[in-house]
Amino acid sequence: MRFDESGAPDASFSGDGRVDTGVAGTVHHVLRDILGRYVIVGAHDDGAPTLTLARIMPTGGTDPMFAGGLHASHRIGADESRAYAVAQDQRGKMVLVGEAVTSGVVEMVVVRTLSDGTLDLGFADAGVRRLVFDGVDASLRGVQIDEDGRIVASGWATIGGEIELFVARLCS
């Protein structure tokens, strides 16, 4: 939903302030990109949560230039994957952070997509960088891109039975 300054649904956004993307799942973060479009990220439920992103036009319609006007889903882990945050670099590429679950182990993931939602095959391992530590469950929940184009991600990791804050900086 988009709200106006008074807190009421914004009628200039899809007529009633809300957009139904047709995606069953959860949204964890929204970003207004450099062209004023809204990029939403989360998890699409196709039997198991799958990392998903969609793009909405400033007027509230889905973007026909993004994933054919639909959403882009990328299964990262064998069991589940979710995106919790998104940032946009100076070239218009999207950087998503979150988690992938394989055999009960939660791994941190950084995913970079092209502006149309497809994986950026020139980044890490076919668009996906896993941060894996043996025996440690971990998830990334925040992301920023610094002035030099480096990705700074934050989240948590279970170390020695304790949940610890985690920050990583990656060269893009």
Protein backbone atom coordinates (compact mmCIF):
# COMPACT_ATOMS: atom_id res chain seq x y z
CA MET A 1 0.00 0.00 0.00
CA ARG A 2 1.03 3.59 -0.52
CA PHE A 3 -0.29 6.31 1.74
CA ASP A 4 -0.62 10.05 1.23
CA GLU A 5 0.63 12.69 3.69
CA SER A 6 -2.52 12.40 5.83
CA GLY A 7 -2.05 8.64 6.24
CA ALA A 8 -4.95 7.71 3.96
CA PRO A 9 -4.51 5.26 1.06
CA ASP A 10 -3.06 7.16 -1.94
CA ALA A 11 -5.71 7.10 -4.71
CA SER A 12 -3.09 8.13 -7.31
CA PHE A 13 -1.43 4.75 -6.78
CA SER A 14 -3.42 2.06 -8.59
CA GLY A 15 -6.72 3.83 -7.83
CA ASP A 16 -6.95 2.77 -4.18
CA GLY A 17 -3.38 2.88 -2.84
CA ARG A 18 -2.67 -0.83 -3.16
CA VAL A 19 -1.37 -3.29 -5.72
CA ASP A 20 -2.07 -7.00 -5.88
CA THR A 21 0.98 -8.57 -7.49
CA GLY A 22 -0.67 -11.98 -7.67
CA VAL A 23 2.29 -13.47 -5.78
CA ALA A 24 1.45 -15.72 -2.83
CA GLY A 25 4.08 -15.10 -0.18
CA THR A 26 5.62 -12.45 2.04
CA VAL A 27 7.23 -9.08 1.37
CA HIS A 28 10.17 -8.15 3.58
CA HIS A 29 11.47 -4.92 2.02
CA VAL A 30 10.60 -2.26 -0.51
CA LEU A 31 13.02 0.05 -2.33
CA ARG A 32 12.24 3.06 -4.50
CA ASP A 33 14.69 2.75 -7.40
CA ILE A 34 16.48 5.54 -9.28
CA LEU A 35 13.56 5.80 -11.75
CA GLY A 36 10.86 6.04 -9.05
CA ARG A 37 9.67 2.44 -9.39
CA TYR A 38 9.18 0.25 -6.33
CA VAL A 39 11.16 -2.98 -6.01
CA ILE A 40 9.70 -5.43 -3.49
CA VAL A 41 11.55 -8.47 -2.19
CA GLY A 42 10.60 -11.41 -0.05
CA ALA A 43 9.61 -15.02 -0.57
CA HIS A 44 7.12 -16.55 -2.98
CA ASP A 45 5.45 -19.72 -1.73
CA ASP A 46 5.57 -22.34 -4.49
CA GLY A 47 5.48 -25.26 -2.08
CA ALA A 48 8.50 -23.88 -0.23
CA PRO A 49 9.57 -20.25 0.24
CA THR A 50 11.58 -19.04 -2.77
CA LEU A 51 13.53 -15.76 -2.98
CA THR A 52 11.38 -13.36 -5.02
CA LEU A 53 11.42 -9.81 -6.33
CA ALA A 54 8.90 -7.73 -8.28
CA ARG A 55 8.82 -4.16 -9.59
CA ILE A 56 5.85 -1.79 -9.43
CA MET A 57 5.52 1.37 -11.53
CA PRO A 58 5.16 4.77 -9.76
CA THR A 59 1.44 4.77 -10.69
CA GLY A 60 0.86 1.34 -9.13
CA GLY A 61 0.87 -1.09 -12.05
CA THR A 62 3.30 -3.96 -12.45
CA ASP A 63 6.30 -3.15 -14.64
CA PRO A 64 5.98 -4.89 -18.06
CA MET A 65 9.78 -4.61 -18.58
CA PHE A 66 10.48 -6.61 -15.41
CA ALA A 67 10.17 -10.41 -15.60
CA GLY A 68 7.47 -10.06 -18.27
CA GLY A 69 5.29 -7.93 -15.97
CA LEU A 70 5.31 -10.59 -13.28
CA HIS A 71 7.82 -11.44 -10.56
CA ALA A 72 11.25 -13.08 -10.62
CA SER A 73 11.83 -16.04 -8.31
CA HIS A 74 15.19 -17.66 -7.74
CA ARG A 75 15.57 -20.88 -5.73
CA ILE A 76 18.92 -20.57 -3.98
CA GLY A 77 18.89 -23.26 -1.27
CA ALA A 78 17.73 -26.81 -1.78
CA ASP A 79 14.85 -26.32 0.68
CA GLU A 80 14.00 -22.61 1.09
CA SER A 81 15.27 -19.12 0.27
CA ARG A 82 14.16 -15.63 1.26
CA ALA A 83 15.21 -12.05 0.51
CA TYR A 84 15.06 -9.64 3.44
CA ALA A 85 16.54 -6.47 1.94
CA VAL A 86 17.47 -4.89 -1.39
CA ALA A 87 19.75 -2.07 -2.58
CA GLN A 88 20.45 -0.68 -6.04
CA ASP A 89 23.93 0.00 -7.37
CA GLN A 90 24.94 2.90 -9.65
CA ARG A 91 24.40 0.73 -12.74
CA GLY A 92 20.79 -0.10 -11.82
CA LYS A 93 21.52 -3.65 -10.70
CA MET A 94 19.68 -4.95 -7.64
CA VAL A 95 21.51 -6.53 -4.71
CA LEU A 96 19.37 -8.72 -2.47
CA VAL A 97 20.41 -10.28 0.82
CA GLY A 98 18.77 -13.00 2.82
CA GLU A 99 19.07 -16.67 3.54
CA ALA A 100 19.01 -20.08 1.92
CA VAL A 101 18.18 -23.27 3.77
CA THR A 102 19.63 -26.62 2.77
CA SER A 103 19.11 -29.71 4.95
CA GLY A 104 18.20 -27.50 7.91
CA VAL A 105 21.34 -25.33 7.69
CA VAL A 106 20.64 -21.61 7.25
CA GLU A 107 23.22 -19.84 5.04
CA MET A 108 23.72 -16.15 4.29
CA VAL A 109 23.23 -15.23 0.62
CA VAL A 110 23.89 -12.16 -1.51
CA VAL A 111 22.17 -12.16 -4.90
CA ARG A 112 22.68 -9.64 -7.69
CA THR A 113 20.18 -9.27 -10.53
CA LEU A 114 20.12 -7.25 -13.70
CA SER A 115 17.50 -4.53 -14.01
CA ASP A 116 15.01 -7.01 -15.52
CA GLY A 117 15.18 -9.37 -12.51
CA THR A 118 17.38 -12.06 -14.06
CA LEU A 119 20.45 -13.21 -12.17
CA ASP A 120 23.64 -11.27 -12.95
CA LEU A 121 25.83 -14.13 -14.17
CA GLY A 122 28.93 -11.90 -13.89
CA PHE A 123 28.57 -11.70 -10.09
CA ALA A 124 30.03 -14.39 -7.83
CA ASP A 125 28.75 -17.88 -8.73
CA ALA A 126 26.12 -17.21 -11.45
CA GLY A 127 24.66 -14.25 -9.54
CA VAL A 128 24.78 -15.74 -6.04
CA ARG A 129 27.39 -15.36 -3.28
CA ARG A 130 26.97 -17.69 -0.32
CA LEU A 131 28.61 -16.87 2.98
CA VAL A 132 28.89 -20.27 4.62
CA PHE A 133 30.55 -21.15 7.90
CA ASP A 134 30.61 -24.80 8.96
CA GLY A 135 28.06 -25.53 11.66
CA VAL A 136 26.83 -21.94 11.85
CA ASP A 137 23.28 -20.84 11.05
CA ALA A 138 23.25 -17.28 9.69
CA SER A 139 21.06 -14.83 7.77
CA LEU A 140 21.57 -11.41 6.20
CA ARG A 141 18.86 -8.81 6.89
CA GLY A 142 20.21 -5.45 5.66
CA VAL A 143 22.25 -4.17 2.70
CA GLN A 144 23.79 -0.93 1.46
CA ILE A 145 26.16 -0.19 -1.39
CA ASP A 146 28.97 2.22 -0.56
CA GLU A 147 30.38 5.00 -2.77
CA ASP A 148 32.95 2.59 -4.24
CA GLY A 149 30.29 0.05 -5.27
CA ARG A 150 31.12 -2.40 -2.47
CA ILE A 151 28.27 -4.32 -0.88
CA VAL A 152 27.89 -3.96 2.89
CA ALA A 153 25.51 -6.51 4.40
CA SER A 154 24.39 -7.08 7.97
CA GLY A 155 22.58 -9.85 9.77
CA TRP A 156 23.08 -12.48 12.40
CA ALA A 157 25.04 -15.67 12.96
CA THR A 158 24.79 -18.31 15.68
CA ILE A 159 28.31 -18.64 17.04
CA GLY A 160 29.03 -20.85 20.03
CA GLY A 161 25.30 -21.15 20.75
CA GLU A 162 24.86 -17.35 20.88
CA ILE A 163 23.24 -15.12 18.27
CA GLU A 164 25.79 -12.52 17.19
CA LEU A 165 25.52 -9.46 14.95
CA PHE A 166 27.28 -9.91 11.63
CA VAL A 167 28.57 -7.37 9.09
CA ALA A 168 30.38 -8.21 5.85
CA ARG A 169 31.73 -6.06 3.02
CA LEU A 170 32.07 -7.60 -0.42
CA CYS A 171 33.78 -6.25 -3.48
CA SER A 172 31.23 -6.24 -6.29
